[in-house]
Amino acid sequence: MKHVETGAGPERILWLHGGNVAGWMWAPQVPAFDDYVCLVPDLPGFGASADDAWVSIAETADRIADLLDGAPVHVVGLSLGASIAVDLAARHPELVQSLVLASTQAVPPRRLDRVAARALLLFWNQRGFWVGLARSYGLTGEDADLFVSTGLGIRRETAVAIYREVRRGVPSASLDALPTGTLALAGDRDSPAIWRASLARLRAAGAEVAVAPGLHHQFSVEDPVLFNDAVRSWIESRRLGAGLVTPT
């Protein structure tokens, strides 16, 4: 599994990207944390690791544990990356100093979301699909080109395998092992299965939860200032960043 390591400092942050992208999605975050060592892997089947076979969330968590080589880190994960982060904390708790989970699919998706996901898989290998998806995310220029090239490099069988696993939600045993120092975030324009039901499940498991008003699934890109402040505020002082709201 390929990864990039940047920055300098006494502590490390592990950045776990979502599906459909790769480690480059953290470009708005990593330079803002150059006072930390930032570890940014391309997960198996994605980006520079496109030739690595995807096996499962658990196997990926174990491979990341090997990458960490026994040294604990702060972990930030979005979407698929958040699911892997939960499993990493459950399987290797000694490696996780704190956990920031963004846009986590902690419960099974709604029927409408399942239908949409299956429809997307039908067009997976078509360039036009990825171009349209980039536009829907508000990506332009080099960002859009990188998104399209990354998407076209992801095998359809990898996407199907991940979808089948994610649609079951995060296993209760993993959620129940969440460490102290877990923050779960979601934009309130995301799917209700994520920003409402999943946050409720994560809160029940002991996580601190917060909502980013007016933002969507990829809110780390949509509002990097808010997202970066949320991460720094949490890992350094266990407080909610500016602009976040505690859901009722």
Protein backbone atom coordinates (compact mmCIF):
# COMPACT_ATOMS: atom_id res chain seq x y z
CA MET A 1 0.00 0.00 0.00
CA LYS A 2 1.58 3.25 -1.18
CA HIS A 3 1.65 6.28 1.09
CA VAL A 4 3.08 9.79 1.36
CA GLU A 5 4.69 11.17 4.50
CA THR A 6 5.06 14.93 5.00
CA GLY A 7 5.58 17.48 7.75
CA ALA A 8 7.55 17.38 10.96
CA GLY A 9 6.66 17.26 14.61
CA PRO A 10 6.50 15.06 17.67
CA GLU A 11 3.07 13.62 16.77
CA ARG A 12 1.56 12.03 13.68
CA ILE A 13 -1.80 12.23 11.90
CA LEU A 14 -3.06 9.43 9.68
CA TRP A 15 -5.44 10.61 6.94
CA LEU A 16 -7.75 7.94 5.49
CA HIS A 17 -9.53 8.95 2.30
CA GLY A 18 -13.05 8.13 1.16
CA GLY A 19 -14.18 5.92 -1.70
CA ASN A 20 -13.96 7.12 -5.33
CA VAL A 21 -10.86 9.21 -4.56
CA ALA A 22 -7.37 8.68 -3.09
CA GLY A 23 -4.98 10.35 -0.69
CA TRP A 24 -4.91 13.49 -2.83
CA MET A 25 -8.35 14.42 -1.41
CA TRP A 26 -6.52 15.67 1.69
CA ALA A 27 -4.69 18.42 -0.25
CA PRO A 28 -6.66 21.15 1.61
CA GLN A 29 -5.73 19.56 4.96
CA VAL A 30 -2.14 18.29 4.92
CA PRO A 31 -0.35 21.66 4.36
CA ALA A 32 -2.34 23.12 7.26
CA PHE A 33 -0.88 20.43 9.56
CA ASP A 34 2.80 20.71 8.68
CA ASP A 35 3.57 20.85 12.40
CA TYR A 36 2.61 17.15 12.47
CA VAL A 37 4.00 14.23 10.54
CA CYS A 38 1.14 13.45 8.13
CA LEU A 39 0.77 9.91 6.81
CA VAL A 40 -1.45 9.79 3.73
CA PRO A 41 -1.98 6.31 2.24
CA ASP A 42 -3.72 5.42 -0.98
CA LEU A 43 -5.95 2.57 0.17
CA PRO A 44 -5.77 -0.78 -1.69
CA GLY A 45 -7.44 -0.42 -5.08
CA PHE A 46 -7.15 3.39 -5.17
CA GLY A 47 -4.73 5.91 -6.65
CA ALA A 48 -1.10 4.79 -6.49
CA SER A 49 -2.30 1.55 -4.83
CA ALA A 50 -4.76 0.74 -7.65
CA ASP A 51 -2.93 -2.52 -8.38
CA ASP A 52 -3.25 -3.69 -4.77
CA ALA A 53 -6.24 -5.97 -4.36
CA TRP A 54 -8.96 -4.79 -2.00
CA VAL A 55 -9.84 -7.57 0.47
CA SER A 56 -11.92 -6.05 3.25
CA ILE A 57 -12.12 -3.19 5.72
CA ALA A 58 -10.60 -5.37 8.43
CA GLU A 59 -7.68 -6.48 6.23
CA THR A 60 -7.03 -2.87 5.24
CA ALA A 61 -7.03 -1.82 8.92
CA ASP A 62 -4.43 -4.50 9.63
CA ARG A 63 -2.28 -3.34 6.73
CA ILE A 64 -2.44 0.22 8.03
CA ALA A 65 -1.42 -1.05 11.47
CA ASP A 66 1.67 -2.58 9.85
CA LEU A 67 2.40 0.78 8.20
CA LEU A 68 2.27 2.52 11.58
CA ASP A 69 4.96 0.16 12.92
CA GLY A 70 3.81 0.32 16.54
CA ALA A 71 3.77 4.13 16.91
CA PRO A 72 0.39 5.69 17.84
CA VAL A 73 -1.27 8.35 15.70
CA HIS A 74 -4.24 10.66 15.56
CA VAL A 75 -6.59 9.23 12.92
CA VAL A 76 -8.83 11.22 10.58
CA GLY A 77 -11.10 9.30 8.22
CA LEU A 78 -13.90 10.30 5.86
CA SER A 79 -16.63 7.95 4.62
CA LEU A 80 -14.86 4.69 3.71
CA GLY A 81 -11.82 5.99 5.56
CA ALA A 82 -13.94 6.51 8.67
CA SER A 83 -15.16 2.89 8.53
CA ILE A 84 -11.55 1.72 8.31
CA ALA A 85 -10.58 4.06 11.17
CA VAL A 86 -13.24 2.51 13.40
CA ASP A 87 -11.91 -0.96 12.62
CA LEU A 88 -8.32 0.15 13.19
CA ALA A 89 -9.26 1.46 16.65
CA ALA A 90 -11.11 -1.76 17.49
CA ARG A 91 -8.40 -4.12 16.23
CA HIS A 92 -5.34 -2.07 17.24
CA PRO A 93 -6.41 0.28 20.05
CA GLU A 94 -2.83 0.89 21.16
CA LEU A 95 -2.17 2.73 17.87
CA VAL A 96 -4.96 5.32 18.12
CA GLN A 97 -4.44 8.53 20.12
CA SER A 98 -7.65 10.15 18.94
CA LEU A 99 -10.24 9.57 16.26
CA VAL A 100 -12.04 12.03 13.97
CA LEU A 101 -14.74 10.32 11.92
CA ALA A 102 -16.36 12.30 9.11
CA SER A 103 -19.40 11.23 7.08
CA THR A 104 -19.42 7.75 8.59
CA GLN A 105 -21.89 5.14 7.30
CA ALA A 106 -22.38 3.62 10.75
CA VAL A 107 -25.83 2.21 9.96
CA PRO A 108 -27.09 0.54 6.77
CA PRO A 109 -28.03 3.05 4.06
CA ARG A 110 -31.64 3.87 3.24
CA ARG A 111 -33.34 2.03 0.40
CA LEU A 112 -33.11 5.16 -1.77
CA ASP A 113 -29.35 5.35 -1.21
CA ARG A 114 -28.96 1.63 -2.03
CA VAL A 115 -30.84 2.06 -5.30
CA ALA A 116 -28.69 5.09 -6.23
CA ALA A 117 -25.48 3.20 -5.43
CA ARG A 118 -26.46 0.24 -7.60
CA ALA A 119 -27.33 2.61 -10.45
CA LEU A 120 -23.91 4.26 -10.18
CA LEU A 121 -22.17 0.89 -10.41
CA LEU A 122 -23.78 0.31 -13.80
CA PHE A 123 -21.84 3.26 -15.25
CA TRP A 124 -18.65 2.76 -13.24
CA ASN A 125 -16.16 2.41 -16.11
CA GLN A 126 -17.55 5.22 -18.25
CA ARG A 127 -15.62 8.46 -18.36
CA GLY A 128 -18.80 10.52 -18.66
CA PHE A 129 -19.98 9.15 -15.32
CA TRP A 130 -16.86 10.41 -13.55
CA VAL A 131 -16.95 13.77 -15.33
CA GLY A 132 -20.56 14.25 -14.22
CA LEU A 133 -19.75 13.15 -10.67
CA ALA A 134 -16.87 15.64 -10.52
CA ARG A 135 -19.22 18.43 -11.56
CA SER A 136 -21.76 17.40 -8.92
CA TYR A 137 -18.98 17.69 -6.29
CA GLY A 138 -18.09 21.16 -7.55
CA LEU A 139 -14.64 20.07 -8.77
CA THR A 140 -13.00 22.00 -11.60
CA GLY A 141 -9.69 22.17 -13.46
CA GLU A 142 -6.89 19.94 -12.22
CA ASP A 143 -8.97 18.73 -9.27
CA ALA A 144 -11.67 17.45 -11.64
CA ASP A 145 -9.08 15.83 -13.93
CA LEU A 146 -7.46 14.06 -10.98
CA PHE A 147 -10.83 12.89 -9.70
CA VAL A 148 -11.78 11.45 -13.11
CA SER A 149 -8.43 9.69 -13.63
CA THR A 150 -8.56 8.22 -10.12
CA GLY A 151 -12.12 7.00 -10.58
CA LEU A 152 -11.34 5.35 -13.89
CA GLY A 153 -8.44 3.54 -12.19
CA ILE A 154 -10.68 1.93 -9.57
CA ARG A 155 -11.79 -1.54 -10.62
CA ARG A 156 -15.53 -2.06 -10.66
CA GLU A 157 -15.10 -5.27 -8.63
CA THR A 158 -13.34 -3.22 -5.94
CA ALA A 159 -16.28 -0.81 -5.80
CA VAL A 160 -18.78 -3.69 -5.62
CA ALA A 161 -16.87 -5.41 -2.81
CA ILE A 162 -16.64 -2.20 -0.79
CA TYR A 163 -20.31 -1.37 -1.37
CA ARG A 164 -21.41 -4.82 -0.18
CA GLU A 165 -19.44 -4.37 3.03
CA VAL A 166 -20.33 -0.73 3.71
CA ARG A 167 -24.06 -1.26 3.13
CA ARG A 168 -24.14 -3.46 6.24
CA GLY A 169 -23.02 -0.51 8.36
CA VAL A 170 -20.17 -0.61 10.86
CA PRO A 171 -20.28 -3.78 13.00
CA SER A 172 -21.61 -3.20 16.50
CA ALA A 173 -18.56 -4.86 18.04
CA SER A 174 -16.29 -2.28 16.38
CA LEU A 175 -18.51 0.66 17.35
CA ASP A 176 -18.71 -0.55 20.92
CA ALA A 177 -14.90 -0.48 21.06
CA LEU A 178 -14.65 3.22 20.14
CA PRO A 179 -11.88 4.83 22.17
CA THR A 180 -12.21 7.81 24.45
CA GLY A 181 -11.39 10.81 22.30
CA THR A 182 -13.62 10.00 19.33
CA LEU A 183 -15.33 12.81 17.42
CA ALA A 184 -17.92 12.06 14.74
CA LEU A 185 -18.87 14.76 12.23
CA ALA A 186 -21.29 15.06 9.33
CA GLY A 187 -22.72 17.76 7.10
CA ASP A 188 -26.45 18.22 7.50
CA ARG A 189 -26.90 18.17 3.71
CA ASP A 190 -25.59 14.58 3.62
CA SER A 191 -27.87 11.55 3.57
CA PRO A 192 -30.05 11.33 6.72
CA ALA A 193 -28.64 7.83 7.21
CA ILE A 194 -25.29 9.50 7.84
CA TRP A 195 -25.89 12.85 9.49
CA ARG A 196 -28.81 11.72 11.61
CA ALA A 197 -28.97 7.94 12.11
CA SER A 198 -25.23 7.27 11.99
CA LEU A 199 -24.39 10.16 14.30
CA ALA A 200 -27.00 8.89 16.76
CA ARG A 201 -25.44 5.41 16.66
CA LEU A 202 -21.96 6.84 17.17
CA ARG A 203 -23.15 8.99 20.05
CA ALA A 204 -24.70 5.92 21.66
CA ALA A 205 -21.30 4.23 21.35
CA GLY A 206 -19.66 7.08 23.28
CA ALA A 207 -18.45 9.45 20.56
CA GLU A 208 -18.79 13.20 20.74
CA VAL A 209 -20.89 14.20 17.73
CA ALA A 210 -21.35 17.43 15.79
CA VAL A 211 -22.96 18.68 12.59
CA ALA A 212 -21.55 21.05 9.97
CA PRO A 213 -24.58 23.14 8.90
CA GLY A 214 -25.24 23.49 5.18
CA LEU A 215 -22.49 21.08 4.11
CA HIS A 216 -22.50 17.78 2.22
CA HIS A 217 -20.64 14.46 2.24
CA GLN A 218 -17.22 15.77 1.13
CA PHE A 219 -17.23 18.74 3.47
CA SER A 220 -13.47 18.52 4.03
CA VAL A 221 -13.18 19.96 0.51
CA GLU A 222 -16.35 22.03 0.59
CA ASP A 223 -15.23 24.02 3.66
CA PRO A 224 -11.61 23.16 4.47
CA VAL A 225 -11.28 26.00 6.99
CA LEU A 226 -14.10 24.59 9.09
CA PHE A 227 -12.87 21.02 8.70
CA ASN A 228 -9.25 21.84 9.54
CA ASP A 229 -10.28 23.78 12.62
CA ALA A 230 -12.50 20.88 13.69
CA VAL A 231 -9.61 18.43 13.44
CA ARG A 232 -7.05 20.64 15.18
CA SER A 233 -9.44 21.70 17.95
CA TRP A 234 -10.25 18.08 18.67
CA ILE A 235 -6.84 16.47 18.59
CA GLU A 236 -5.21 19.29 20.56
CA SER A 237 -7.85 20.22 23.15
CA ARG A 238 -10.86 17.89 22.75
CA ARG A 239 -13.16 20.77 21.93
CA LEU A 240 -15.52 21.38 19.02
CA GLY A 241 -14.28 23.67 16.29
CA ALA A 242 -15.96 26.90 15.22
CA GLY A 243 -19.05 26.50 13.09
CA LEU A 244 -19.98 23.04 14.34
CA VAL A 245 -23.32 22.42 16.02
CA THR A 246 -24.21 19.71 18.52
CA PRO A 247 -27.32 17.92 17.21
CA THR A 248 -30.35 17.66 19.49
